[in-house]
């Protein structure tokens, strides 16, 4: 039985095997979304962006970024 993303990613409705998922660092997410790293951390802590804790850092599934951008989650101010 393989571990599934939905089992470990808080707040995600994703049910894919880890083999199919690419995880990005907060810095990579910030660059893709054109926001600061602090904004990404705020989104993760607020539950707006699903992430897993890997040691002392967070990793965000690439699919979650596409969903967040399509919803327009990032602050406009």
Protein backbone atom coordinates (compact mmCIF):
# COMPACT_ATOMS: atom_id res chain seq x y z
CA UNK A 1 0.00 0.00 0.00
CA UNK A 2 1.55 3.31 -1.06
CA UNK A 3 1.23 6.56 0.85
CA UNK A 4 -1.17 8.98 -0.76
CA UNK A 5 -0.88 12.76 -0.83
CA UNK A 6 -4.35 13.20 0.68
CA UNK A 7 -3.14 11.31 3.74
CA UNK A 8 -0.39 13.83 4.53
CA UNK A 9 -1.17 17.17 2.88
CA UNK A 10 -3.25 19.25 5.25
CA UNK A 11 -6.34 20.73 3.67
CA UNK A 12 -5.84 19.12 0.28
CA UNK A 13 -8.42 17.20 -1.69
CA UNK A 14 -5.71 15.45 -3.66
CA UNK A 15 -5.66 11.66 -3.98
CA UNK A 16 -2.55 10.93 -6.02
CA UNK A 17 0.43 8.71 -5.31
CA UNK A 18 3.65 10.48 -4.35
CA UNK A 19 5.20 9.23 -7.60
CA UNK A 20 2.94 11.59 -9.55
CA UNK A 21 3.44 14.69 -7.39
CA UNK A 22 6.14 17.35 -7.64
CA UNK A 23 6.76 19.30 -4.44
CA UNK A 24 8.16 22.84 -4.52
CA UNK A 25 9.91 24.94 -1.89
CA UNK A 26 8.40 28.12 -0.51
CA UNK A 27 10.92 30.16 -2.51
CA UNK A 28 9.93 28.38 -5.75
CA UNK A 29 6.24 28.92 -5.01
CA UNK A 30 6.82 32.61 -4.27
CA UNK A 31 8.63 33.02 -7.57
CA UNK A 32 5.88 31.25 -9.52
CA UNK A 33 3.12 33.26 -7.86
CA UNK A 34 5.13 36.51 -7.93
CA UNK A 35 4.64 37.13 -4.23
CA UNK A 36 7.02 37.24 -1.27
CA UNK A 37 8.02 34.13 0.67
CA UNK A 38 6.23 35.59 3.69
CA UNK A 39 2.97 35.68 1.69
CA UNK A 40 3.40 31.99 0.85
CA UNK A 41 4.04 31.18 4.52
CA UNK A 42 0.91 33.13 5.49
CA UNK A 43 -1.14 31.23 2.91
CA UNK A 44 0.18 27.90 4.19
CA UNK A 45 -0.51 28.75 7.83
CA UNK A 46 -4.00 30.08 6.98
CA UNK A 47 -4.83 26.85 5.15
CA UNK A 48 -5.23 28.62 1.81
CA UNK A 49 -2.34 26.66 0.30
CA UNK A 50 -1.84 22.99 1.20
CA UNK A 51 1.69 22.01 2.22
CA UNK A 52 3.59 19.33 4.05
CA UNK A 53 6.27 19.89 6.64
CA UNK A 54 9.61 18.41 5.65
CA UNK A 55 12.02 18.88 8.53
CA UNK A 56 12.02 22.61 9.27
CA UNK A 57 10.69 23.61 5.86
CA UNK A 58 7.45 23.31 3.93
CA UNK A 59 6.86 21.75 0.53
CA UNK A 60 3.86 22.62 -1.62
CA UNK A 61 2.42 20.30 -4.28
CA UNK A 62 2.75 21.86 -7.72
CA UNK A 63 -0.91 21.15 -8.46
CA UNK A 64 -1.94 23.25 -5.44
CA UNK A 65 -0.22 26.29 -6.94
CA UNK A 66 -2.17 25.99 -10.19
CA UNK A 67 -5.41 25.70 -8.19
CA UNK A 68 -4.54 28.71 -6.03
CA UNK A 69 -3.69 30.84 -9.06
CA UNK A 70 -6.92 29.87 -10.80
CA UNK A 71 -8.89 30.82 -7.64
CA UNK A 72 -7.01 34.09 -7.25
CA UNK A 73 -5.97 33.38 -3.66
CA UNK A 74 -2.99 35.76 -3.52
CA UNK A 75 -3.50 39.16 -1.89
CA UNK A 76 -4.09 41.97 -4.37
CA UNK A 77 -2.84 44.66 -1.99
